[in-house]
């Protein structure tokens, strides 16, 4: 019996309508993830790729001209072969990605998520699969962003037997997993992956380990859930206090004039309008409540970030100011200032700001939610009468 993977997949990819692949080098999207991304595309999903380096440090073979420019062109040709809708290249140092601050890399992932609005991310296994530190660094950044945004993440891996065979034959450092640690074994068609791989002509040389890996893997790819769809991020393991996983019901009841009572779970508050515009000023306006919701969400995420990194949160405060616009009436600008009692270590500043800029409420503003507005049927006379009956307690 050979060390190749089984030839029949037993799992389906998640039914994502949009997927973002985060990789370190041009060719990772084809050599590693190509068949998976092609399978997503064949199901109708929109596929995007974020590549964090331009692959300028490759020493596989000598090429004429600028290698970074050449590899960028190869990536876009490969993306077309795989049906990728968008491929974005960043210029972090090839071969030194692990030395780039994870918050900097995470910010690139967050920007790509904002642009492509994926249902989930696809990355290399945290081991890097082939042992390349850049692969592991790209995955760390993607997982940090996924923690922030509560996005599920699938990690591509290989069976342990395939990794062992490659290491024996090529003296490489591949890492694989036993069957019990692999969550999805997906049947794939490698035709487009092979075409895309050949588009990376500077890398897909005949002696490349790629071709042996494809032969050993057969028509199956292996994936692990690094962040499951049905669980919160590790640092938010307790049910999310500020936005919950289940659909939330909030009831707003008119109480006269411009005043309304808002019931949120077991809590009740009042919104009103200032006296100068006809209200009684018995509570904040709905617009003020909206801005306050954003400020509170930022404060929540910042507090969790500080706690996760064992930093002091006593004295944490968030102040906001906002500007109104017209045509249409809206909040046209919001300024947020985070106050901390202690100085924040320089190495944590960008990470904290990245988290603050991607809280749930902020994401809901910048990535517009689907909103439906409907008119309910009028209540019957009996139902109206019951609403006015005295309540116990």
Protein backbone atom coordinates (compact mmCIF):
# COMPACT_ATOMS: atom_id res chain seq x y z
CA UNK A 1 0.00 0.00 0.00
CA UNK A 2 1.40 3.42 -0.93
CA UNK A 3 1.43 6.53 1.24
CA UNK A 4 -0.97 8.36 -1.05
CA UNK A 5 -4.26 9.76 0.18
CA UNK A 6 -7.54 7.98 -0.38
CA UNK A 7 -9.03 8.62 -3.79
CA UNK A 8 -12.57 9.28 -2.56
CA UNK A 9 -13.47 12.36 -0.56
CA UNK A 10 -16.02 11.97 2.20
CA UNK A 11 -16.72 15.62 3.06
CA UNK A 12 -18.22 18.74 1.53
CA UNK A 13 -16.78 22.21 1.73
CA UNK A 14 -18.90 24.66 3.74
CA UNK A 15 -21.59 26.42 1.72
CA UNK A 16 -19.84 29.80 1.73
CA UNK A 17 -20.90 32.32 -0.90
CA UNK A 18 -17.55 34.12 -0.59
CA UNK A 19 -14.14 32.89 0.56
CA UNK A 20 -10.81 34.64 1.16
CA UNK A 21 -7.51 32.76 0.95
CA UNK A 22 -4.62 34.28 2.92
CA UNK A 23 -1.19 33.07 1.79
CA UNK A 24 2.45 34.10 2.07
CA UNK A 25 3.79 33.74 -1.49
CA UNK A 26 2.66 33.85 -5.10
CA UNK A 27 2.13 30.13 -5.96
CA UNK A 28 0.83 29.16 -2.48
CA UNK A 29 -2.69 29.77 -3.77
CA UNK A 30 -2.05 27.24 -6.58
CA UNK A 31 0.51 24.73 -5.27
CA UNK A 32 -1.24 24.35 -1.92
CA UNK A 33 -4.80 25.66 -2.08
CA UNK A 34 -5.47 25.47 -5.83
CA UNK A 35 -7.83 22.51 -5.90
CA UNK A 36 -9.71 23.75 -2.82
CA UNK A 37 -10.20 27.24 -4.25
CA UNK A 38 -11.25 25.81 -7.61
CA UNK A 39 -13.81 23.59 -5.84
CA UNK A 40 -15.20 26.59 -3.97
CA UNK A 41 -15.46 28.46 -7.27
CA UNK A 42 -17.23 25.53 -8.94
CA UNK A 43 -19.92 25.70 -6.24
CA UNK A 44 -20.56 29.36 -7.14
CA UNK A 45 -18.56 31.01 -4.37
CA UNK A 46 -16.69 34.25 -4.98
CA UNK A 47 -13.00 33.56 -4.35
CA UNK A 48 -10.42 36.18 -3.33
CA UNK A 49 -6.72 35.82 -2.55
CA UNK A 50 -4.52 37.97 -0.30
CA UNK A 51 -0.81 37.29 -0.80
CA UNK A 52 1.42 38.96 1.80
CA UNK A 53 4.73 38.93 -0.11
CA UNK A 54 5.83 39.21 -3.74
CA UNK A 55 8.06 36.16 -3.53
CA UNK A 56 11.16 38.13 -4.41
CA UNK A 57 13.51 35.93 -2.36
CA UNK A 58 12.96 32.71 -4.30
CA UNK A 59 16.20 30.99 -5.31
CA UNK A 60 14.65 28.08 -7.18
CA UNK A 61 16.11 29.21 -10.48
CA UNK A 62 17.67 32.27 -12.09
CA UNK A 63 15.27 34.44 -14.08
CA UNK A 64 15.79 37.51 -16.20
CA UNK A 65 14.45 40.82 -14.94
CA UNK A 66 12.75 41.71 -11.67
CA UNK A 67 11.55 38.54 -9.91
CA UNK A 68 8.89 40.32 -7.84
CA UNK A 69 7.28 41.77 -10.99
CA UNK A 70 7.46 38.41 -12.73
CA UNK A 71 5.90 36.55 -9.84
CA UNK A 72 3.10 39.12 -9.56
CA UNK A 73 2.23 38.48 -13.21
CA UNK A 74 2.37 34.72 -12.59
CA UNK A 75 -0.01 35.07 -9.66
CA UNK A 76 -2.60 36.93 -11.72
CA UNK A 77 -2.35 34.38 -14.53
CA UNK A 78 -2.78 31.54 -12.05
CA UNK A 79 -5.72 33.33 -10.41
CA UNK A 80 -7.48 33.51 -13.78
CA UNK A 81 -6.97 29.77 -14.25
CA UNK A 82 -8.52 29.08 -10.85
CA UNK A 83 -11.44 31.44 -11.40
CA UNK A 84 -10.28 33.72 -8.60
CA UNK A 85 -12.22 36.99 -8.64
CA UNK A 86 -9.60 39.14 -6.91
CA UNK A 87 -5.90 38.66 -6.11
CA UNK A 88 -4.14 41.29 -3.99
CA UNK A 89 -0.37 41.39 -3.42
CA UNK A 90 1.32 43.07 -0.47
CA UNK A 91 5.05 43.76 -0.28
CA UNK A 92 6.14 42.42 3.08
CA UNK A 93 9.61 40.83 2.97
CA UNK A 94 9.70 37.36 1.46
CA UNK A 95 11.53 34.97 3.77
CA UNK A 96 11.15 37.28 6.78
CA UNK A 97 7.39 37.42 7.25
CA UNK A 98 7.67 36.03 10.78
CA UNK A 99 9.63 39.15 11.76
CA UNK A 100 6.81 41.48 10.71
CA UNK A 101 4.57 42.50 13.61
CA UNK A 102 1.44 40.34 13.52
CA UNK A 103 -0.74 43.44 13.99
CA UNK A 104 0.64 44.87 10.74
CA UNK A 105 -0.14 41.68 8.86
CA UNK A 106 -3.53 41.42 10.56
CA UNK A 107 -4.41 44.92 9.34
CA UNK A 108 -3.83 43.73 5.75
CA UNK A 109 -6.13 40.77 6.35
CA UNK A 110 -8.80 42.99 7.89
CA UNK A 111 -8.64 45.33 4.88
CA UNK A 112 -9.02 42.35 2.52
CA UNK A 113 -12.00 41.10 4.53
CA UNK A 114 -13.60 44.51 4.37
CA UNK A 115 -13.19 44.49 0.58
CA UNK A 116 -14.33 40.93 -0.16
CA UNK A 117 -16.76 40.30 2.77
CA UNK A 118 -16.06 36.55 2.93
CA UNK A 119 -18.07 33.99 4.88
CA UNK A 120 -14.80 32.32 5.88
CA UNK A 121 -11.03 32.17 5.40
CA UNK A 122 -8.83 29.43 3.92
CA UNK A 123 -5.19 29.27 4.99
CA UNK A 124 -2.27 26.87 5.39
CA UNK A 125 -2.25 24.75 8.54
CA UNK A 126 -0.52 26.60 11.44
CA UNK A 127 2.51 24.32 10.96
CA UNK A 128 3.01 25.91 7.54
CA UNK A 129 2.59 22.41 5.98
CA UNK A 130 5.94 22.53 4.18
CA UNK A 131 7.72 23.95 7.21
CA UNK A 132 8.22 27.42 5.71
CA UNK A 133 8.05 30.06 8.50
CA UNK A 134 6.33 32.53 6.14
CA UNK A 135 3.39 30.14 5.76
CA UNK A 136 2.96 29.95 9.53
CA UNK A 137 3.22 33.74 9.87
CA UNK A 138 0.51 34.32 7.25
CA UNK A 139 -1.78 31.90 9.06
CA UNK A 140 -1.16 33.59 12.42
CA UNK A 141 -2.21 36.93 10.95
CA UNK A 142 -5.33 35.42 9.39
CA UNK A 143 -6.32 33.76 12.66
CA UNK A 144 -5.81 37.01 14.57
CA UNK A 145 -8.15 38.77 12.14
CA UNK A 146 -10.64 35.92 12.34
CA UNK A 147 -10.64 36.19 16.13
CA UNK A 148 -11.48 39.85 15.79
CA UNK A 149 -14.26 39.33 13.25
CA UNK A 150 -15.60 35.95 14.48
CA UNK A 151 -14.94 34.40 11.05
CA UNK A 152 -14.54 30.64 10.56
CA UNK A 153 -11.18 29.45 9.22
CA UNK A 154 -10.25 26.29 7.34
CA UNK A 155 -6.62 25.19 7.36
CA UNK A 156 -5.21 23.14 4.48
CA UNK A 157 -3.05 20.21 5.52
CA UNK A 158 -1.80 16.86 4.24
CA UNK A 159 -2.16 13.37 5.74
CA UNK A 160 0.73 12.33 7.96
CA UNK A 161 1.62 9.50 5.55
CA UNK A 162 1.99 11.97 2.66
CA UNK A 163 4.18 14.29 4.74
CA UNK A 164 6.37 11.40 5.87
CA UNK A 165 6.81 10.13 2.31
CA UNK A 166 7.82 13.58 1.02
CA UNK A 167 10.29 13.99 3.87
CA UNK A 168 11.83 10.61 3.13
CA UNK A 169 12.15 11.24 -0.60
CA UNK A 170 13.20 14.90 -0.59
CA UNK A 171 14.64 15.48 2.90
CA UNK A 172 11.99 18.14 3.49
CA UNK A 173 10.17 19.26 6.66
CA UNK A 174 6.52 18.71 5.78
CA UNK A 175 4.06 18.36 8.66
CA UNK A 176 0.87 16.35 8.34
CA UNK A 177 -1.95 15.02 10.49
CA UNK A 178 -3.41 11.63 11.27
CA UNK A 179 -6.91 10.94 9.97
CA UNK A 180 -8.49 11.62 13.36
CA UNK A 181 -7.18 15.20 13.35
CA UNK A 182 -8.45 15.97 9.82
CA UNK A 183 -11.98 17.37 9.71
CA UNK A 184 -12.69 17.42 5.97
CA UNK A 185 -11.49 15.10 3.20
CA UNK A 186 -12.80 16.68 0.02
CA UNK A 187 -12.82 15.13 -3.45
CA UNK A 188 -11.25 17.52 -5.97
CA UNK A 189 -10.55 17.81 -9.67
CA UNK A 190 -6.93 18.90 -10.11
CA UNK A 191 -7.14 20.02 -13.75
CA UNK A 192 -7.34 23.76 -13.03
CA UNK A 193 -4.86 23.50 -10.19
CA UNK A 194 -2.29 21.99 -12.55
CA UNK A 195 -2.93 24.71 -15.13
CA UNK A 196 -2.62 27.40 -12.46
CA UNK A 197 0.56 25.83 -11.10
CA UNK A 198 2.14 25.86 -14.55
CA UNK A 199 1.38 29.60 -14.73
CA UNK A 200 4.03 29.97 -12.02
CA UNK A 201 6.71 29.08 -14.54
CA UNK A 202 9.55 30.44 -12.39
CA UNK A 203 8.64 27.99 -9.60
CA UNK A 204 6.86 24.97 -11.12
CA UNK A 205 10.03 23.37 -12.48
CA UNK A 206 9.95 19.63 -13.35
CA UNK A 207 11.89 18.74 -10.20
CA UNK A 208 9.49 20.66 -7.93
CA UNK A 209 8.18 18.73 -4.92
CA UNK A 210 4.76 20.06 -5.96
CA UNK A 211 4.22 17.36 -8.56
CA UNK A 212 5.07 14.53 -6.17
CA UNK A 213 2.79 16.01 -3.53
CA UNK A 214 -0.11 16.09 -5.99
CA UNK A 215 0.54 12.49 -6.98
CA UNK A 216 0.63 11.30 -3.38
CA UNK A 217 -2.49 13.26 -2.43
CA UNK A 218 -4.53 11.80 -5.27
CA UNK A 219 -7.89 13.46 -5.89
CA UNK A 220 -8.46 14.43 -2.27
CA UNK A 221 -7.54 17.47 -0.19
CA UNK A 222 -7.46 17.53 3.61
CA UNK A 223 -8.64 20.42 5.77
CA UNK A 224 -8.92 21.19 9.47
CA UNK A 225 -11.21 23.63 11.25
CA UNK A 226 -8.92 26.20 12.85
CA UNK A 227 -11.91 28.37 13.83
CA UNK A 228 -15.21 26.55 13.61
CA UNK A 229 -18.36 28.13 12.25
CA UNK A 230 -20.32 27.29 15.39
CA UNK A 231 -17.93 28.60 18.05
CA UNK A 232 -16.72 32.00 19.19
CA UNK A 233 -13.07 32.98 18.99
CA UNK A 234 -10.92 31.60 21.85
CA UNK A 235 -10.65 34.92 23.69
CA UNK A 236 -14.43 35.28 23.42
CA UNK A 237 -15.25 31.75 24.56
CA UNK A 238 -17.96 33.05 26.85
CA UNK A 239 -21.06 33.93 24.82
CA UNK A 240 -20.50 37.37 23.36
CA UNK A 241 -22.00 39.80 25.84
CA UNK A 242 -22.40 42.65 23.40
CA UNK A 243 -23.88 40.93 20.38
CA UNK A 244 -24.72 37.28 21.16
CA UNK A 245 -24.80 34.43 18.64
CA UNK A 246 -28.58 34.07 18.49
CA UNK A 247 -30.82 36.62 16.72
CA UNK A 248 -31.55 39.35 19.24
CA UNK A 249 -35.05 40.75 19.74
CA UNK A 250 -35.35 44.38 20.84
CA UNK A 251 -38.76 45.99 21.30
CA UNK A 252 -39.42 49.73 21.01
CA UNK A 253 -42.74 50.95 22.48
CA UNK A 254 -44.20 54.44 21.99
CA UNK A 255 -44.93 56.20 25.30
CA UNK A 256 -46.17 59.60 24.12
CA UNK A 257 -44.74 62.58 22.27
CA UNK A 258 -41.26 61.75 20.99
CA UNK A 259 -40.59 59.33 23.85
CA UNK A 260 -40.11 55.59 23.36
CA UNK A 261 -39.20 52.81 25.75
CA UNK A 262 -36.62 50.32 24.48
CA UNK A 263 -36.65 46.79 25.96
CA UNK A 264 -33.38 44.85 25.54
CA UNK A 265 -33.51 41.45 27.22
CA UNK A 266 -34.24 42.32 30.86
CA UNK A 267 -33.17 45.95 30.52
CA UNK A 268 -35.24 49.02 29.73
CA UNK A 269 -34.20 52.50 28.66
CA UNK A 270 -35.86 55.55 27.17
CA UNK A 271 -35.07 57.53 24.04
CA UNK A 272 -36.43 61.03 23.51
CA UNK A 273 -35.66 64.31 21.74
CA UNK A 274 -34.27 67.58 23.18
CA UNK A 275 -36.77 70.16 24.39
CA UNK A 276 -35.79 72.63 21.66
CA UNK A 277 -37.10 70.25 18.99
CA UNK A 278 -40.31 69.30 20.77
CA UNK A 279 -39.26 66.48 23.09
CA UNK A 280 -39.00 66.26 26.87
CA UNK A 281 -35.31 65.23 26.97
CA UNK A 282 -36.06 62.17 29.12
CA UNK A 283 -33.35 60.12 27.45
CA UNK A 284 -30.79 60.13 24.64
CA UNK A 285 -31.91 60.43 21.03
CA UNK A 286 -31.83 57.29 18.82
CA UNK A 287 -28.86 58.80 16.98
CA UNK A 288 -26.98 59.33 20.24
CA UNK A 289 -27.81 55.75 21.20
CA UNK A 290 -26.38 54.57 17.87
CA UNK A 291 -23.10 56.42 18.43
CA UNK A 292 -23.03 55.24 22.04
CA UNK A 293 -23.43 51.66 20.79
CA UNK A 294 -20.32 52.07 18.63
CA UNK A 295 -18.32 53.63 21.46
CA UNK A 296 -19.41 50.89 23.88
CA UNK A 297 -18.50 48.18 21.39
CA UNK A 298 -15.04 49.71 20.89
CA UNK A 299 -14.58 49.83 24.67
CA UNK A 300 -15.62 46.17 24.98
CA UNK A 301 -13.14 45.00 22.33
CA UNK A 302 -10.32 47.12 23.77
CA UNK A 303 -10.95 45.74 27.27
CA UNK A 304 -10.83 42.17 25.92
CA UNK A 305 -7.58 42.94 24.04
CA UNK A 306 -5.96 44.35 27.18
CA UNK A 307 -7.08 41.38 29.24
CA UNK A 308 -5.80 38.89 26.64
CA UNK A 309 -2.34 40.50 26.73
CA UNK A 310 -2.33 40.90 30.54
CA UNK A 311 -2.42 44.70 30.37
CA UNK A 312 -4.19 47.00 32.84
CA UNK A 313 -7.73 48.06 31.88
CA UNK A 314 -8.55 50.16 34.96
CA UNK A 315 -9.17 53.71 33.77
CA UNK A 316 -10.19 52.63 30.27
CA UNK A 317 -12.61 55.13 28.71
CA UNK A 318 -13.85 55.89 25.21
CA UNK A 319 -15.04 59.35 24.15
CA UNK A 320 -16.83 60.10 20.90
CA UNK A 321 -17.99 63.14 18.96
CA UNK A 322 -20.13 62.96 15.85
CA UNK A 323 -21.26 65.15 12.98
CA UNK A 324 -24.61 65.04 11.22
CA UNK A 325 -25.08 65.17 7.45
CA UNK A 326 -28.05 65.78 5.21
CA UNK A 327 -29.45 64.43 1.92
CA UNK A 328 -30.04 61.91 3.37
CA UNK A 329 -30.14 62.63 7.11
CA UNK A 330 -27.35 60.57 8.65
CA UNK A 331 -24.35 60.50 10.94
CA UNK A 332 -21.66 61.80 8.58
CA UNK A 333 -18.62 61.38 10.80
CA UNK A 334 -17.61 59.87 14.13
CA UNK A 335 -14.40 60.58 16.04
CA UNK A 336 -13.41 58.06 18.70
CA UNK A 337 -10.68 58.56 21.30
CA UNK A 338 -9.54 55.73 23.57
CA UNK A 339 -8.17 56.71 26.96
CA UNK A 340 -5.93 54.43 29.03
CA UNK A 341 -4.61 55.08 32.52
CA UNK A 342 -1.24 53.46 31.75
CA UNK A 343 1.05 53.90 28.77
CA UNK A 344 0.53 51.16 26.20
CA UNK A 345 3.67 49.28 25.08
CA UNK A 346 4.63 50.44 21.58
CA UNK A 347 4.46 46.87 20.27
CA UNK A 348 0.77 46.67 21.28
CA UNK A 349 -0.49 49.98 19.87
CA UNK A 350 -1.24 48.86 16.31
CA UNK A 351 -2.81 45.61 17.50
CA UNK A 352 -5.13 47.41 19.91
CA UNK A 353 -6.17 49.95 17.27
CA UNK A 354 -6.77 47.20 14.70
CA UNK A 355 -9.08 45.42 17.14
CA UNK A 356 -10.86 48.66 18.06
CA UNK A 357 -11.43 49.51 14.39
CA UNK A 358 -13.08 46.16 13.75
CA UNK A 359 -15.54 45.72 16.58
CA UNK A 360 -18.92 44.25 15.67
CA UNK A 361 -20.74 47.60 15.50
CA UNK A 362 -17.94 49.17 13.42
CA UNK A 363 -18.00 46.19 11.04
CA UNK A 364 -21.78 46.54 10.76
CA UNK A 365 -21.34 50.13 9.62
CA UNK A 366 -18.50 49.56 7.16
CA UNK A 367 -19.83 46.23 5.85
CA UNK A 368 -23.51 47.03 5.47
CA UNK A 369 -25.88 44.48 7.03
CA UNK A 370 -28.97 43.24 5.25
CA UNK A 371 -31.91 45.19 6.72
CA UNK A 372 -35.54 44.39 6.05
CA UNK A 373 -38.41 46.66 7.07
CA UNK A 374 -41.95 45.28 7.06
CA UNK A 375 -45.36 46.24 8.38
CA UNK A 376 -47.03 43.86 10.84
CA UNK A 377 -50.74 43.17 10.80
CA UNK A 378 -52.80 45.29 13.24
CA UNK A 379 -53.44 43.60 16.57
CA UNK A 380 -56.98 42.41 17.26
CA UNK A 381 -59.13 44.20 19.84
CA UNK A 382 -58.62 41.31 22.26
CA UNK A 383 -54.85 41.46 21.88
CA UNK A 384 -54.90 45.24 22.44
CA UNK A 385 -56.98 44.77 25.59
CA UNK A 386 -54.59 42.14 26.93
CA UNK A 387 -51.66 44.54 26.40
CA UNK A 388 -53.26 46.93 28.88
CA UNK A 389 -54.07 44.38 31.60
CA UNK A 390 -52.17 44.86 34.88
CA UNK A 391 -49.09 42.64 35.07
CA UNK A 392 -48.11 40.66 38.15
CA UNK A 393 -45.09 41.93 40.00
